[in-house]
Amino acid sequence: MALRATFHSFLLGILVLAMKGGAYLLTGSVALFSDALGSVISVMVTGAAMTTLWVGARPADDRHPYGRLKAEYLSVILEGMLIVLTTLSIINAVYTDLRHLKALRALGDGLVMSSVASGINLLYGLYLQQLGGKLRSPSLRADGQRLMSDTIPSVGVLIGAGLVAIAGWQVLDPIMAILMAFNILWVGWRRVQSNLTSLLDEAASLEIQALVRSLVSARADGAIEAHGIRTRSDGEVTFVEFYLMVPGDMNMDAICDRLVGALEAEYRDSPVTIHIEPDS
């Protein structure tokens, strides 16, 4: 499901790129050029996300006993690198434009095309955010955040281009472009920083940890205690590990099956490791 949503995002990204690129060609606006350049990066990042989702979905093998789930984070890191390159390219375009200011043309048609493209990004970004939270997929959440954040500078571009058309303030066009560049850089840095923690095997959220403890407590009937509960998340999968002290004459298989079944029902395909400690 995550791979299908990313593929749809890729197709929509191509559509949005065509519309924003067309808006730039119609108007000659450096701000719209910056917006279109951001869409180029968006399509590249989404393509990388599709690849990493496909790699991450492959089953574990002898060389990768824990699977390839961390491949999903590579698209997030790649996005951060591309955002920096995009920002530098926009700054260079703004510098060139300021040296040779030129009159914009066909602003009405360009603004309509850019507005529709931004609306598509916003609506699909909201959808990906919800789906990424449901599937616990960092790449889908990052993709949704990126699409939604694209609408912020786009609105600024529309306002700036509108003022240029109404008041003739030509200098607003490169100013809005440079503001958009810094916004892309800031949002991109925050997004990459928030996902790097998962590469360091950070524990699952407090909500997930509380639910795991609750399930263990409710399903460990007959056990003496459970301790050393540890969790970590890789994309859609939450790894759970803990120690369970049980009476020496207890049927260990039964209690383990009960606990594993309850945890895997809540977090599908999540590996559960139980270290049994007989009280003897």
C-alpha atoms as a PDB file:
ATOM      1  CA  MET A   1       0.000   0.000   0.000  1.00  0.00           C
ATOM      2  CA  ALA A   2       2.837   2.387   0.834  1.00  0.00           C
ATOM      3  CA  LEU A   3       4.568   1.556  -2.461  1.00  0.00           C
ATOM      4  CA  ARG A   4       1.344   2.177  -4.396  1.00  0.00           C
ATOM      5  CA  ALA A   5       0.816   5.541  -2.681  1.00  0.00           C
ATOM      6  CA  THR A   6       4.396   6.547  -3.482  1.00  0.00           C
ATOM      7  CA  PHE A   7       3.917   5.559  -7.125  1.00  0.00           C
ATOM      8  CA  HIS A   8       0.798   7.738  -7.301  1.00  0.00           C
ATOM      9  CA  SER A   9       2.811  10.542  -5.710  1.00  0.00           C
ATOM     10  CA  PHE A  10       5.441  10.097  -8.410  1.00  0.00           C
ATOM     11  CA  LEU A  11       2.848  10.401 -11.192  1.00  0.00           C
ATOM     12  CA  LEU A  12       1.271  13.456  -9.580  1.00  0.00           C
ATOM     13  CA  GLY A  13       4.741  14.935  -9.150  1.00  0.00           C
ATOM     14  CA  ILE A  14       5.332  14.701 -12.896  1.00  0.00           C
ATOM     15  CA  LEU A  15       1.981  16.417 -13.526  1.00  0.00           C
ATOM     16  CA  VAL A  16       2.757  19.192 -11.032  1.00  0.00           C
ATOM     17  CA  LEU A  17       6.245  19.630 -12.533  1.00  0.00           C
ATOM     18  CA  ALA A  18       4.744  20.020 -16.017  1.00  0.00           C
ATOM     19  CA  MET A  19       2.283  22.636 -14.761  1.00  0.00           C
ATOM     20  CA  LYS A  20       4.861  24.636 -12.802  1.00  0.00           C
ATOM     21  CA  GLY A  21       7.383  24.389 -15.609  1.00  0.00           C
ATOM     22  CA  GLY A  22       4.723  25.642 -18.003  1.00  0.00           C
ATOM     23  CA  ALA A  23       3.944  28.547 -15.664  1.00  0.00           C
ATOM     24  CA  TYR A  24       7.620  29.544 -15.668  1.00  0.00           C
ATOM     25  CA  LEU A  25       7.916  29.317 -19.462  1.00  0.00           C
ATOM     26  CA  LEU A  26       4.801  31.467 -19.852  1.00  0.00           C
ATOM     27  CA  THR A  27       5.892  34.198 -17.442  1.00  0.00           C
ATOM     28  CA  GLY A  28       9.692  34.140 -17.253  1.00  0.00           C
ATOM     29  CA  SER A  29       9.367  34.578 -13.472  1.00  0.00           C
ATOM     30  CA  VAL A  30      12.437  33.528 -11.488  1.00  0.00           C
ATOM     31  CA  ALA A  31      10.179  32.762  -8.521  1.00  0.00           C
ATOM     32  CA  LEU A  32       8.114  30.367 -10.631  1.00  0.00           C
ATOM     33  CA  PHE A  33      11.373  28.924 -11.948  1.00  0.00           C
ATOM     34  CA  SER A  34      12.402  28.237  -8.352  1.00  0.00           C
ATOM     35  CA  ASP A  35       9.049  26.603  -7.691  1.00  0.00           C
ATOM     36  CA  ALA A  36       9.439  24.406 -10.770  1.00  0.00           C
ATOM     37  CA  LEU A  37      12.982  23.469  -9.760  1.00  0.00           C
ATOM     38  CA  GLY A  38      11.630  22.338  -6.417  1.00  0.00           C
ATOM     39  CA  SER A  39       9.200  20.087  -8.287  1.00  0.00           C
ATOM     40  CA  VAL A  40      12.103  18.533 -10.213  1.00  0.00           C
ATOM     41  CA  ILE A  41      13.693  17.591  -6.897  1.00  0.00           C
ATOM     42  CA  SER A  42      10.327  16.347  -5.665  1.00  0.00           C
ATOM     43  CA  VAL A  43      10.010  13.911  -8.566  1.00  0.00           C
ATOM     44  CA  MET A  44      13.582  12.665  -8.053  1.00  0.00           C
ATOM     45  CA  VAL A  45      13.054  12.130  -4.321  1.00  0.00           C
ATOM     46  CA  THR A  46       9.760  10.311  -4.874  1.00  0.00           C
ATOM     47  CA  GLY A  47      11.434   8.023  -7.385  1.00  0.00           C
ATOM     48  CA  ALA A  48      14.131   7.249  -4.820  1.00  0.00           C
ATOM     49  CA  ALA A  49      11.456   6.626  -2.183  1.00  0.00           C
ATOM     50  CA  MET A  50       9.758   4.072  -4.459  1.00  0.00           C
ATOM     51  CA  THR A  51      13.056   2.245  -4.887  1.00  0.00           C
ATOM     52  CA  THR A  52      13.825   2.152  -1.171  1.00  0.00           C
ATOM     53  CA  LEU A  53      10.289   1.005  -0.313  1.00  0.00           C
ATOM     54  CA  TRP A  54      10.670  -1.849  -2.807  1.00  0.00           C
ATOM     55  CA  VAL A  55      14.060  -2.798  -1.362  1.00  0.00           C
ATOM     56  CA  GLY A  56      12.784  -2.533   2.219  1.00  0.00           C
ATOM     57  CA  ALA A  57       9.828  -4.824   1.459  1.00  0.00           C
ATOM     58  CA  ARG A  58      12.089  -7.711   0.424  1.00  0.00           C
ATOM     59  CA  PRO A  59      12.185 -10.526   3.007  1.00  0.00           C
ATOM     60  CA  ALA A  60      15.112 -11.177   5.309  1.00  0.00           C
ATOM     61  CA  ASP A  61      17.830 -13.552   4.130  1.00  0.00           C
ATOM     62  CA  ASP A  62      21.182 -14.905   5.334  1.00  0.00           C
ATOM     63  CA  ARG A  63      23.009 -11.682   4.455  1.00  0.00           C
ATOM     64  CA  HIS A  64      20.281  -9.448   5.866  1.00  0.00           C
ATOM     65  CA  PRO A  65      18.806 -11.360   8.837  1.00  0.00           C
ATOM     66  CA  TYR A  66      16.942  -8.250  10.029  1.00  0.00           C
ATOM     67  CA  GLY A  67      15.671  -7.376   6.558  1.00  0.00           C
ATOM     68  CA  ARG A  68      16.365  -4.180   4.600  1.00  0.00           C
ATOM     69  CA  LEU A  69      13.967  -1.869   6.404  1.00  0.00           C
ATOM     70  CA  LYS A  70      16.532   0.901   6.936  1.00  0.00           C
ATOM     71  CA  ALA A  71      16.762   1.381   3.178  1.00  0.00           C
ATOM     72  CA  GLU A  72      13.610   3.487   3.523  1.00  0.00           C
ATOM     73  CA  TYR A  73      15.576   6.187   5.323  1.00  0.00           C
ATOM     74  CA  LEU A  74      18.002   6.604   2.442  1.00  0.00           C
ATOM     75  CA  SER A  75      15.369   8.535   0.491  1.00  0.00           C
ATOM     76  CA  VAL A  76      15.041  10.975   3.395  1.00  0.00           C
ATOM     77  CA  ILE A  77      18.803  11.578   3.459  1.00  0.00           C
ATOM     78  CA  LEU A  78      18.882  11.939  -0.324  1.00  0.00           C
ATOM     79  CA  GLU A  79      16.088  14.483  -0.072  1.00  0.00           C
ATOM     80  CA  GLY A  80      18.136  16.560   2.334  1.00  0.00           C
ATOM     81  CA  MET A  81      21.105  16.595  -0.022  1.00  0.00           C
ATOM     82  CA  LEU A  82      18.954  17.540  -3.007  1.00  0.00           C
ATOM     83  CA  ILE A  83      17.266  20.333  -1.064  1.00  0.00           C
ATOM     84  CA  VAL A  84      20.652  21.939  -0.402  1.00  0.00           C
ATOM     85  CA  LEU A  85      21.538  21.726  -4.100  1.00  0.00           C
ATOM     86  CA  THR A  86      18.149  23.185  -5.021  1.00  0.00           C
ATOM     87  CA  THR A  87      18.622  26.102  -2.656  1.00  0.00           C
ATOM     88  CA  LEU A  88      22.014  26.929  -4.154  1.00  0.00           C
ATOM     89  CA  SER A  89      20.570  26.753  -7.678  1.00  0.00           C
ATOM     90  CA  ILE A  90      17.736  29.124  -6.743  1.00  0.00           C
ATOM     91  CA  ILE A  91      20.151  31.604  -5.192  1.00  0.00           C
ATOM     92  CA  ASN A  92      22.230  31.561  -8.365  1.00  0.00           C
ATOM     93  CA  ALA A  93      19.117  32.148 -10.503  1.00  0.00           C
ATOM     94  CA  VAL A  94      18.056  35.047  -8.267  1.00  0.00           C
ATOM     95  CA  TYR A  95      21.503  36.638  -8.527  1.00  0.00           C
ATOM     96  CA  THR A  96      21.366  36.444 -12.319  1.00  0.00           C
ATOM     97  CA  ASP A  97      17.846  37.865 -12.397  1.00  0.00           C
ATOM     98  CA  LEU A  98      18.708  40.805 -10.154  1.00  0.00           C
ATOM     99  CA  ARG A  99      21.521  41.756 -12.518  1.00  0.00           C
ATOM    100  CA  HIS A 100      19.207  41.644 -15.530  1.00  0.00           C
ATOM    101  CA  LEU A 101      15.650  42.455 -14.433  1.00  0.00           C
ATOM    102  CA  LYS A 102      13.138  41.769 -17.191  1.00  0.00           C
ATOM    103  CA  ALA A 103       9.404  42.350 -17.502  1.00  0.00           C
ATOM    104  CA  LEU A 104       7.184  39.379 -16.699  1.00  0.00           C
ATOM    105  CA  ARG A 105       4.578  38.218 -19.200  1.00  0.00           C
ATOM    106  CA  ALA A 106       1.280  36.271 -19.184  1.00  0.00           C
ATOM    107  CA  LEU A 107       1.151  36.408 -15.382  1.00  0.00           C
ATOM    108  CA  GLY A 108      -2.547  35.563 -15.246  1.00  0.00           C
ATOM    109  CA  ASP A 109      -2.174  32.215 -17.012  1.00  0.00           C
ATOM    110  CA  GLY A 110       0.989  31.416 -15.097  1.00  0.00           C
ATOM    111  CA  LEU A 111      -0.629  32.125 -11.727  1.00  0.00           C
ATOM    112  CA  VAL A 112      -3.622  29.919 -12.547  1.00  0.00           C
ATOM    113  CA  MET A 113      -1.379  26.984 -13.522  1.00  0.00           C
ATOM    114  CA  SER A 114       0.782  27.399 -10.428  1.00  0.00           C
ATOM    115  CA  SER A 115      -2.272  27.653  -8.150  1.00  0.00           C
ATOM    116  CA  VAL A 116      -3.787  24.425  -9.459  1.00  0.00           C
ATOM    117  CA  ALA A 117      -0.454  22.616  -9.086  1.00  0.00           C
ATOM    118  CA  SER A 118      -0.092  23.832  -5.494  1.00  0.00           C
ATOM    119  CA  GLY A 119      -3.624  22.668  -4.713  1.00  0.00           C
ATOM    120  CA  ILE A 120      -2.795  19.179  -5.972  1.00  0.00           C
ATOM    121  CA  ASN A 121       0.310  19.093  -3.756  1.00  0.00           C
ATOM    122  CA  LEU A 122      -1.630  20.204  -0.681  1.00  0.00           C
ATOM    123  CA  LEU A 123      -4.455  17.679  -1.024  1.00  0.00           C
ATOM    124  CA  TYR A 124      -2.230  14.706  -1.779  1.00  0.00           C
ATOM    125  CA  GLY A 125       0.224  15.767   0.917  1.00  0.00           C
ATOM    126  CA  LEU A 126      -2.569  15.642   3.506  1.00  0.00           C
ATOM    127  CA  TYR A 127      -3.499  12.167   2.299  1.00  0.00           C
ATOM    128  CA  LEU A 128       0.098  10.902   2.509  1.00  0.00           C
ATOM    129  CA  GLN A 129       0.487  12.321   6.018  1.00  0.00           C
ATOM    130  CA  GLN A 130      -2.538  10.365   7.212  1.00  0.00           C
ATOM    131  CA  LEU A 131      -1.504   7.195   5.400  1.00  0.00           C
ATOM    132  CA  GLY A 132       2.104   7.468   6.627  1.00  0.00           C
ATOM    133  CA  GLY A 133       0.914   7.775  10.223  1.00  0.00           C
ATOM    134  CA  LYS A 134      -1.386   4.772   9.809  1.00  0.00           C
ATOM    135  CA  LEU A 135       1.349   2.610   8.272  1.00  0.00           C
ATOM    136  CA  ARG A 136       4.134   4.108  10.446  1.00  0.00           C
ATOM    137  CA  SER A 137       6.114   4.829   7.285  1.00  0.00           C
ATOM    138  CA  PRO A 138       8.739   7.615   7.610  1.00  0.00           C
ATOM    139  CA  SER A 139       9.150   7.963   3.855  1.00  0.00           C
ATOM    140  CA  LEU A 140       5.405   8.489   3.319  1.00  0.00           C
ATOM    141  CA  ARG A 141       5.248  11.021   6.149  1.00  0.00           C
ATOM    142  CA  ALA A 142       8.291  12.815   4.735  1.00  0.00           C
ATOM    143  CA  ASP A 143       6.718  12.795   1.272  1.00  0.00           C
ATOM    144  CA  GLY A 144       3.471  14.197   2.656  1.00  0.00           C
ATOM    145  CA  GLN A 145       5.275  16.881   4.652  1.00  0.00           C
ATOM    146  CA  ARG A 146       7.283  17.838   1.591  1.00  0.00           C
ATOM    147  CA  LEU A 147       4.205  18.196  -0.604  1.00  0.00           C
ATOM    148  CA  MET A 148       2.412  20.262   2.019  1.00  0.00           C
ATOM    149  CA  SER A 149       5.427  22.463   2.686  1.00  0.00           C
ATOM    150  CA  ASP A 150       5.700  23.114  -1.057  1.00  0.00           C
ATOM    151  CA  THR A 151       2.434  25.043  -0.856  1.00  0.00           C
ATOM    152  CA  ILE A 152       3.886  27.617   1.582  1.00  0.00           C
ATOM    153  CA  PRO A 153       6.511  29.097  -0.774  1.00  0.00           C
ATOM    154  CA  SER A 154       4.107  28.651  -3.676  1.00  0.00           C
ATOM    155  CA  VAL A 155       1.590  30.927  -1.960  1.00  0.00           C
ATOM    156  CA  GLY A 156       4.368  33.484  -1.486  1.00  0.00           C
ATOM    157  CA  VAL A 157       5.242  33.216  -5.153  1.00  0.00           C
ATOM    158  CA  LEU A 158       1.609  33.788  -6.131  1.00  0.00           C
ATOM    159  CA  ILE A 159       1.351  36.834  -3.876  1.00  0.00           C
ATOM    160  CA  GLY A 160       4.617  38.286  -5.177  1.00  0.00           C
ATOM    161  CA  ALA A 161       3.704  37.690  -8.813  1.00  0.00           C
ATOM    162  CA  GLY A 162       0.281  39.191  -8.200  1.00  0.00           C
ATOM    163  CA  LEU A 163       1.823  42.362  -6.762  1.00  0.00           C
ATOM    164  CA  VAL A 164       4.192  42.553  -9.698  1.00  0.00           C
ATOM    165  CA  ALA A 165       1.212  42.365 -12.048  1.00  0.00           C
ATOM    166  CA  ILE A 166      -0.843  44.940 -10.103  1.00  0.00           C
ATOM    167  CA  ALA A 167       1.762  47.424  -8.866  1.00  0.00           C
ATOM    168  CA  GLY A 168       4.637  46.709 -11.241  1.00  0.00           C
ATOM    169  CA  TRP A 169       7.087  46.003  -8.395  1.00  0.00           C
ATOM    170  CA  GLN A 170       9.470  43.931 -10.487  1.00  0.00           C
ATOM    171  CA  VAL A 171      11.975  43.404  -7.671  1.00  0.00           C
ATOM    172  CA  LEU A 172       9.407  41.364  -5.712  1.00  0.00           C
ATOM    173  CA  ASP A 173       9.865  38.419  -8.065  1.00  0.00           C
ATOM    174  CA  PRO A 174      13.494  37.623  -7.113  1.00  0.00           C
ATOM    175  CA  ILE A 175      12.788  38.541  -3.478  1.00  0.00           C
ATOM    176  CA  MET A 176      10.009  35.919  -3.267  1.00  0.00           C
ATOM    177  CA  ALA A 177      12.312  33.406  -4.945  1.00  0.00           C
ATOM    178  CA  ILE A 178      15.060  33.876  -2.374  1.00  0.00           C
ATOM    179  CA  LEU A 179      12.563  33.637   0.495  1.00  0.00           C
ATOM    180  CA  MET A 180      11.262  30.404  -0.986  1.00  0.00           C
ATOM    181  CA  ALA A 181      14.799  29.028  -1.227  1.00  0.00           C
ATOM    182  CA  PHE A 182      15.480  29.621   2.461  1.00  0.00           C
ATOM    183  CA  ASN A 183      12.121  28.117   3.390  1.00  0.00           C
ATOM    184  CA  ILE A 184      12.931  24.963   1.410  1.00  0.00           C
ATOM    185  CA  LEU A 185      16.303  24.747   3.153  1.00  0.00           C
ATOM    186  CA  TRP A 186      14.800  25.176   6.637  1.00  0.00           C
ATOM    187  CA  VAL A 187      11.955  22.700   6.144  1.00  0.00           C
ATOM    188  CA  GLY A 188      14.285  20.176   4.542  1.00  0.00           C
ATOM    189  CA  TRP A 189      16.771  20.361   7.403  1.00  0.00           C
ATOM    190  CA  ARG A 190      14.053  19.838  10.003  1.00  0.00           C
ATOM    191  CA  ARG A 191      12.653  16.867   8.093  1.00  0.00           C
ATOM    192  CA  VAL A 192      16.011  15.140   7.720  1.00  0.00           C
ATOM    193  CA  GLN A 193      16.920  15.814  11.348  1.00  0.00           C
ATOM    194  CA  SER A 194      13.656  14.286  12.593  1.00  0.00           C
ATOM    195  CA  ASN A 195      14.257  11.071  10.629  1.00  0.00           C
ATOM    196  CA  LEU A 196      17.922  10.615  11.524  1.00  0.00           C
ATOM    197  CA  THR A 197      16.936   9.462  15.023  1.00  0.00           C
ATOM    198  CA  SER A 198      15.445   6.287  13.547  1.00  0.00           C
ATOM    199  CA  LEU A 199      18.804   5.430  12.018  1.00  0.00           C
ATOM    200  CA  LEU A 200      20.215   5.454  15.562  1.00  0.00           C
ATOM    201  CA  ASP A 201      17.662   2.838  16.707  1.00  0.00           C
ATOM    202  CA  GLU A 202      15.715   5.287  18.828  1.00  0.00           C
ATOM    203  CA  ALA A 203      12.993   3.683  20.949  1.00  0.00           C
ATOM    204  CA  ALA A 204       9.434   3.629  19.657  1.00  0.00           C
ATOM    205  CA  SER A 205       7.142   6.455  20.722  1.00  0.00           C
ATOM    206  CA  LEU A 206       5.998   6.674  24.353  1.00  0.00           C
ATOM    207  CA  GLU A 207       2.500   5.738  23.219  1.00  0.00           C
ATOM    208  CA  ILE A 208       3.736   2.521  21.603  1.00  0.00           C
ATOM    209  CA  GLN A 209       5.917   1.677  24.617  1.00  0.00           C
ATOM    210  CA  ALA A 210       2.942   2.129  26.973  1.00  0.00           C
ATOM    211  CA  LEU A 211       0.755  -0.092  24.788  1.00  0.00           C
ATOM    212  CA  VAL A 212       3.422  -2.820  24.668  1.00  0.00           C
ATOM    213  CA  ARG A 213       3.715  -2.794  28.459  1.00  0.00           C
ATOM    214  CA  SER A 214      -0.068  -2.923  28.759  1.00  0.00           C
ATOM    215  CA  LEU A 215      -0.344  -5.907  26.407  1.00  0.00           C
ATOM    216  CA  VAL A 216       2.454  -7.779  28.157  1.00  0.00           C
ATOM    217  CA  SER A 217       0.845  -7.148  31.533  1.00  0.00           C
ATOM    218  CA  ALA A 218      -2.591  -8.284  30.333  1.00  0.00           C
ATOM    219  CA  ARG A 219      -1.438 -11.423  28.495  1.00  0.00           C
ATOM    220  CA  ALA A 220       1.349 -12.703  30.749  1.00  0.00           C
ATOM    221  CA  ASP A 221      -0.975 -14.580  33.116  1.00  0.00           C
ATOM    222  CA  GLY A 222       0.997 -16.876  35.373  1.00  0.00           C
ATOM    223  CA  ALA A 223       4.353 -15.215  34.815  1.00  0.00           C
ATOM    224  CA  ILE A 224       6.254 -13.748  37.747  1.00  0.00           C
ATOM    225  CA  GLU A 225       7.387 -10.562  36.016  1.00  0.00           C
ATOM    226  CA  ALA A 226       8.379  -9.001  32.700  1.00  0.00           C
ATOM    227  CA  HIS A 227      11.315  -6.608  32.599  1.00  0.00           C
ATOM    228  CA  GLY A 228      13.878  -5.079  30.284  1.00  0.00           C
ATOM    229  CA  ILE A 229      11.229  -4.199  27.688  1.00  0.00           C
ATOM    230  CA  ARG A 230      12.900  -2.603  24.668  1.00  0.00           C
ATOM    231  CA  THR A 231      11.467  -1.324  21.408  1.00  0.00           C
ATOM    232  CA  ARG A 232      12.690   0.240  18.190  1.00  0.00           C
ATOM    233  CA  SER A 233      10.961   1.119  14.949  1.00  0.00           C
ATOM    234  CA  ASP A 234      12.060   0.630  11.360  1.00  0.00           C
ATOM    235  CA  GLY A 235       9.437   2.117   9.093  1.00  0.00           C
ATOM    236  CA  GLU A 236       6.223   0.159   9.476  1.00  0.00           C
ATOM    237  CA  VAL A 237       7.788  -2.461  11.752  1.00  0.00           C
ATOM    238  CA  THR A 238       8.191  -2.148  15.533  1.00  0.00           C
ATOM    239  CA  PHE A 239      10.724  -4.532  17.121  1.00  0.00           C
ATOM    240  CA  VAL A 240       9.817  -5.659  20.647  1.00  0.00           C
ATOM    241  CA  GLU A 241      12.140  -7.466  23.053  1.00  0.00           C
ATOM    242  CA  PHE A 242      11.810  -8.256  26.769  1.00  0.00           C
ATOM    243  CA  TYR A 243      12.667 -10.725  29.544  1.00  0.00           C
ATOM    244  CA  LEU A 244       9.952 -12.884  31.140  1.00  0.00           C
ATOM    245  CA  MET A 245      10.438 -14.638  34.459  1.00  0.00           C
ATOM    246  CA  VAL A 246       8.166 -17.665  34.854  1.00  0.00           C
ATOM    247  CA  PRO A 247       7.755 -20.560  37.316  1.00  0.00           C
ATOM    248  CA  GLY A 248       9.949 -23.515  36.403  1.00  0.00           C
ATOM    249  CA  ASP A 249       6.991 -25.902  35.961  1.00  0.00           C
ATOM    250  CA  MET A 250       4.995 -23.553  33.720  1.00  0.00           C
ATOM    251  CA  ASN A 251       4.140 -24.293  30.063  1.00  0.00           C
ATOM    252  CA  MET A 252       6.446 -21.729  28.488  1.00  0.00           C
ATOM    253  CA  ASP A 253       5.255 -22.328  24.919  1.00  0.00           C
ATOM    254  CA  ALA A 254       1.681 -21.397  25.801  1.00  0.00           C
ATOM    255  CA  ILE A 255       2.506 -18.077  27.434  1.00  0.00           C
ATOM    256  CA  CYS A 256       4.969 -17.129  24.681  1.00  0.00           C
ATOM    257  CA  ASP A 257       2.437 -17.910  21.955  1.00  0.00           C
ATOM    258  CA  ARG A 258      -0.166 -15.835  23.766  1.00  0.00           C
ATOM    259  CA  LEU A 259       2.143 -12.828  24.147  1.00  0.00           C
ATOM    260  CA  VAL A 260       3.548 -12.988  20.627  1.00  0.00           C
ATOM    261  CA  GLY A 261       0.052 -13.350  19.160  1.00  0.00           C
ATOM    262  CA  ALA A 262      -1.235 -10.291  21.048  1.00  0.00           C
ATOM    263  CA  LEU A 263       1.725  -8.104  20.074  1.00  0.00           C
ATOM    264  CA  GLU A 264       1.778  -9.168  16.425  1.00  0.00           C
ATOM    265  CA  ALA A 265      -1.982  -8.618  16.158  1.00  0.00           C
ATOM    266  CA  GLU A 266      -1.455  -5.010  17.259  1.00  0.00           C
ATOM    267  CA  TYR A 267       1.706  -4.455  15.182  1.00  0.00           C
ATOM    268  CA  ARG A 268       1.566  -6.620  12.075  1.00  0.00           C
ATOM    269  CA  ASP A 269       4.783  -8.334  10.980  1.00  0.00           C
ATOM    270  CA  SER A 270       6.579  -6.940  14.042  1.00  0.00           C
ATOM    271  CA  PRO A 271       9.277  -9.295  15.360  1.00  0.00           C
ATOM    272  CA  VAL A 272       8.860 -10.142  19.048  1.00  0.00           C
ATOM    273  CA  THR A 273      11.765 -11.617  21.022  1.00  0.00           C
ATOM    274  CA  ILE A 274      11.079 -13.060  24.506  1.00  0.00           C
ATOM    275  CA  HIS A 275      13.946 -14.152  26.737  1.00  0.00           C
ATOM    276  CA  ILE A 276      12.551 -16.746  29.163  1.00  0.00           C
ATOM    277  CA  GLU A 277      13.973 -16.859  32.704  1.00  0.00           C
ATOM    278  CA  PRO A 278      12.719 -19.792  34.819  1.00  0.00           C
ATOM    279  CA  ASP A 279      12.620 -18.822  38.487  1.00  0.00           C
ATOM    280  CA  SER A 280      14.887 -21.776  39.267  1.00  0.00           C
END
